Amino acid sequence: MGFLPEDRIPDGTTLFNIVQRVGGTVGIGLLVSLFTVREKAQVQAAASQHHLSSSQVLTAVNHPAHASAVVVHLVQNAETSGFHDVIGIIAGISLVGFLLAVAIRTPQTGEPVQRVRD
């Protein structure tokens, strides 16, 4: 906002708020989609590795009281692994954002600041 003329700061603030809210909404949607994909992949991998049928997996997910404790445990561990995958991705994205934020430099005090003009 420091580069905007004083009469344009309200417009800049509005634009910043809109971008922030839309970005947050899209980001949450992407994270939920990513979690769903990773969870499904982890459950399928566990089912394949332990030779579980799809009915056993569905019963463990939807009605854990009616499924074998071992199958429920395997499915829950697979779901947790999918969650951990997403947390790792979030941490990576956060690290990239942090590094980019640190790389942003402010103009030196001797340099003239260029203002945006209409």
C-alpha atoms as a PDB file:
ATOM      1  CA  MET A   1       0.000   0.000   0.000  1.00  0.00           C
ATOM      2  CA  GLY A   2       2.985   2.278   0.520  1.00  0.00           C
ATOM      3  CA  PHE A   3       3.413   2.756  -3.223  1.00  0.00           C
ATOM      4  CA  LEU A   4      -0.173   3.891  -3.780  1.00  0.00           C
ATOM      5  CA  PRO A   5      -1.110   7.560  -3.846  1.00  0.00           C
ATOM      6  CA  GLU A   6      -3.043   8.547  -0.756  1.00  0.00           C
ATOM      7  CA  ASP A   7      -6.343   8.904  -2.638  1.00  0.00           C
ATOM      8  CA  ARG A   8      -6.036   5.296  -3.975  1.00  0.00           C
ATOM      9  CA  ILE A   9      -5.323   3.567  -0.640  1.00  0.00           C
ATOM     10  CA  PRO A  10      -9.030   2.736   0.010  1.00  0.00           C
ATOM     11  CA  ASP A  11      -9.206   1.024  -3.412  1.00  0.00           C
ATOM     12  CA  GLY A  12      -5.996  -0.864  -2.690  1.00  0.00           C
ATOM     13  CA  THR A  13      -7.297  -1.997   0.694  1.00  0.00           C
ATOM     14  CA  THR A  14     -10.540  -3.232  -0.878  1.00  0.00           C
ATOM     15  CA  LEU A  15      -8.667  -5.122  -3.585  1.00  0.00           C
ATOM     16  CA  PHE A  16      -6.315  -6.660  -1.011  1.00  0.00           C
ATOM     17  CA  ASN A  17      -9.261  -7.846   1.120  1.00  0.00           C
ATOM     18  CA  ILE A  18     -11.050  -9.362  -1.887  1.00  0.00           C
ATOM     19  CA  VAL A  19      -7.938 -11.207  -3.078  1.00  0.00           C
ATOM     20  CA  GLN A  20      -7.242 -12.437   0.457  1.00  0.00           C
ATOM     21  CA  ARG A  21     -10.767 -13.816   0.941  1.00  0.00           C
ATOM     22  CA  VAL A  22     -11.023 -15.403  -2.513  1.00  0.00           C
ATOM     23  CA  GLY A  23      -7.545 -16.894  -2.133  1.00  0.00           C
ATOM     24  CA  GLY A  24      -8.445 -18.338   1.257  1.00  0.00           C
ATOM     25  CA  THR A  25     -11.650 -19.845  -0.081  1.00  0.00           C
ATOM     26  CA  VAL A  26      -9.938 -21.388  -3.098  1.00  0.00           C
ATOM     27  CA  GLY A  27      -7.056 -22.585  -0.917  1.00  0.00           C
ATOM     28  CA  ILE A  28      -9.363 -24.373   1.529  1.00  0.00           C
ATOM     29  CA  GLY A  29     -11.205 -26.032  -1.357  1.00  0.00           C
ATOM     30  CA  LEU A  30      -7.924 -27.204  -2.867  1.00  0.00           C
ATOM     31  CA  LEU A  31      -6.706 -28.561   0.475  1.00  0.00           C
ATOM     32  CA  VAL A  32      -9.927 -30.506   1.026  1.00  0.00           C
ATOM     33  CA  SER A  33      -9.705 -31.918  -2.501  1.00  0.00           C
ATOM     34  CA  LEU A  34      -6.056 -32.823  -1.994  1.00  0.00           C
ATOM     35  CA  PHE A  35      -6.848 -34.501   1.329  1.00  0.00           C
ATOM     36  CA  THR A  36      -9.621 -36.529  -0.296  1.00  0.00           C
ATOM     37  CA  VAL A  37      -7.343 -37.675  -3.111  1.00  0.00           C
ATOM     38  CA  ARG A  38      -4.425 -38.552  -0.797  1.00  0.00           C
ATOM     39  CA  GLU A  39      -6.695 -40.321   1.706  1.00  0.00           C
ATOM     40  CA  LYS A  40      -8.260 -42.414  -1.049  1.00  0.00           C
ATOM     41  CA  ALA A  41      -4.837 -43.282  -2.490  1.00  0.00           C
ATOM     42  CA  GLN A  42      -3.500 -44.313   0.927  1.00  0.00           C
ATOM     43  CA  VAL A  43      -6.572 -46.443   1.697  1.00  0.00           C
ATOM     44  CA  GLN A  44      -6.376 -48.132  -1.716  1.00  0.00           C
ATOM     45  CA  ALA A  45      -2.664 -48.834  -1.210  1.00  0.00           C
ATOM     46  CA  ALA A  46      -3.299 -50.338   2.230  1.00  0.00           C
ATOM     47  CA  ALA A  47      -6.197 -52.419   0.912  1.00  0.00           C
ATOM     48  CA  SER A  48      -4.078 -53.710  -1.948  1.00  0.00           C
ATOM     49  CA  GLN A  49      -1.106 -54.437   0.294  1.00  0.00           C
ATOM     50  CA  HIS A  50      -3.209 -56.388   2.813  1.00  0.00           C
ATOM     51  CA  HIS A  51      -5.505 -57.995   0.205  1.00  0.00           C
ATOM     52  CA  LEU A  52      -8.659 -56.377   1.562  1.00  0.00           C
ATOM     53  CA  SER A  53     -11.846 -56.362  -0.473  1.00  0.00           C
ATOM     54  CA  SER A  54     -13.613 -53.099  -1.191  1.00  0.00           C
ATOM     55  CA  SER A  55     -16.557 -54.254   0.948  1.00  0.00           C
ATOM     56  CA  GLN A  56     -14.211 -54.732   3.920  1.00  0.00           C
ATOM     57  CA  VAL A  57     -12.808 -51.242   3.430  1.00  0.00           C
ATOM     58  CA  LEU A  58     -16.259 -49.658   3.037  1.00  0.00           C
ATOM     59  CA  THR A  59     -17.510 -51.417   6.155  1.00  0.00           C
ATOM     60  CA  ALA A  60     -14.461 -50.218   8.102  1.00  0.00           C
ATOM     61  CA  VAL A  61     -15.030 -46.644   6.937  1.00  0.00           C
ATOM     62  CA  ASN A  62     -18.817 -46.431   7.237  1.00  0.00           C
ATOM     63  CA  HIS A  63     -19.596 -48.921  10.030  1.00  0.00           C
ATOM     64  CA  PRO A  64     -16.422 -49.552  12.050  1.00  0.00           C
ATOM     65  CA  ALA A  65     -18.365 -51.415  14.764  1.00  0.00           C
ATOM     66  CA  HIS A  66     -19.286 -54.085  12.194  1.00  0.00           C
ATOM     67  CA  ALA A  67     -15.774 -54.530  10.802  1.00  0.00           C
ATOM     68  CA  SER A  68     -12.747 -56.409  12.007  1.00  0.00           C
ATOM     69  CA  ALA A  69     -10.640 -54.373  14.427  1.00  0.00           C
ATOM     70  CA  VAL A  70      -7.560 -55.074  12.316  1.00  0.00           C
ATOM     71  CA  VAL A  71      -9.231 -53.775   9.147  1.00  0.00           C
ATOM     72  CA  VAL A  72     -10.514 -50.679  10.954  1.00  0.00           C
ATOM     73  CA  HIS A  73      -7.023 -50.037  12.298  1.00  0.00           C
ATOM     74  CA  LEU A  74      -5.462 -50.401   8.827  1.00  0.00           C
ATOM     75  CA  VAL A  75      -8.003 -48.056   7.244  1.00  0.00           C
ATOM     76  CA  GLN A  76      -7.631 -45.461  10.010  1.00  0.00           C
ATOM     77  CA  ASN A  77      -3.845 -45.557   9.666  1.00  0.00           C
ATOM     78  CA  ALA A  78      -4.177 -45.078   5.909  1.00  0.00           C
ATOM     79  CA  GLU A  79      -6.512 -42.109   6.433  1.00  0.00           C
ATOM     80  CA  THR A  80      -4.035 -40.606   8.891  1.00  0.00           C
ATOM     81  CA  SER A  81      -1.235 -41.058   6.354  1.00  0.00           C
ATOM     82  CA  GLY A  82      -3.297 -39.123   3.807  1.00  0.00           C
ATOM     83  CA  PHE A  83      -3.728 -36.330   6.346  1.00  0.00           C
ATOM     84  CA  HIS A  84       0.035 -36.315   7.007  1.00  0.00           C
ATOM     85  CA  ASP A  85       0.673 -36.043   3.264  1.00  0.00           C
ATOM     86  CA  VAL A  86      -1.442 -32.894   3.113  1.00  0.00           C
ATOM     87  CA  ILE A  87       0.238 -31.405   6.200  1.00  0.00           C
ATOM     88  CA  GLY A  88       3.610 -31.978   4.517  1.00  0.00           C
ATOM     89  CA  ILE A  89       2.419 -30.199   1.392  1.00  0.00           C
ATOM     90  CA  ILE A  90       1.089 -27.285   3.464  1.00  0.00           C
ATOM     91  CA  ALA A  91       4.435 -27.054   5.270  1.00  0.00           C
ATOM     92  CA  GLY A  92       6.259 -26.995   1.930  1.00  0.00           C
ATOM     93  CA  ILE A  93       4.017 -24.269   0.539  1.00  0.00           C
ATOM     94  CA  SER A  94       4.448 -22.271   3.747  1.00  0.00           C
ATOM     95  CA  LEU A  95       8.227 -22.593   3.527  1.00  0.00           C
ATOM     96  CA  VAL A  96       8.225 -21.346  -0.072  1.00  0.00           C
ATOM     97  CA  GLY A  97       5.990 -18.416   0.944  1.00  0.00           C
ATOM     98  CA  PHE A  98       8.274 -17.604   3.872  1.00  0.00           C
ATOM     99  CA  LEU A  99      11.366 -17.647   1.664  1.00  0.00           C
ATOM    100  CA  LEU A 100       9.675 -15.408  -0.899  1.00  0.00           C
ATOM    101  CA  ALA A 101       8.576 -13.005   1.843  1.00  0.00           C
ATOM    102  CA  VAL A 102      12.112 -12.833   3.210  1.00  0.00           C
ATOM    103  CA  ALA A 103      13.459 -12.200  -0.301  1.00  0.00           C
ATOM    104  CA  ILE A 104      11.286  -9.097  -0.773  1.00  0.00           C
ATOM    105  CA  ARG A 105      13.442  -6.059  -0.285  1.00  0.00           C
ATOM    106  CA  THR A 106      12.324  -2.605   0.699  1.00  0.00           C
ATOM    107  CA  PRO A 107      13.795   0.350  -1.198  1.00  0.00           C
ATOM    108  CA  GLN A 108      16.879   1.888   0.345  1.00  0.00           C
ATOM    109  CA  THR A 109      16.314   5.226   2.065  1.00  0.00           C
ATOM    110  CA  GLY A 110      18.316   7.037  -0.609  1.00  0.00           C
ATOM    111  CA  GLU A 111      16.304   5.614  -3.496  1.00  0.00           C
ATOM    112  CA  PRO A 112      13.267   7.546  -4.711  1.00  0.00           C
ATOM    113  CA  VAL A 113      10.006   5.659  -4.325  1.00  0.00           C
ATOM    114  CA  GLN A 114       8.062   5.425  -7.576  1.00  0.00           C
ATOM    115  CA  ARG A 115       4.398   6.124  -7.175  1.00  0.00           C
ATOM    116  CA  VAL A 116       1.682   4.556  -9.310  1.00  0.00           C
ATOM    117  CA  ARG A 117      -0.120   7.169 -11.346  1.00  0.00           C
ATOM    118  CA  ASP A 118      -3.426   7.031 -13.228  1.00  0.00           C
END
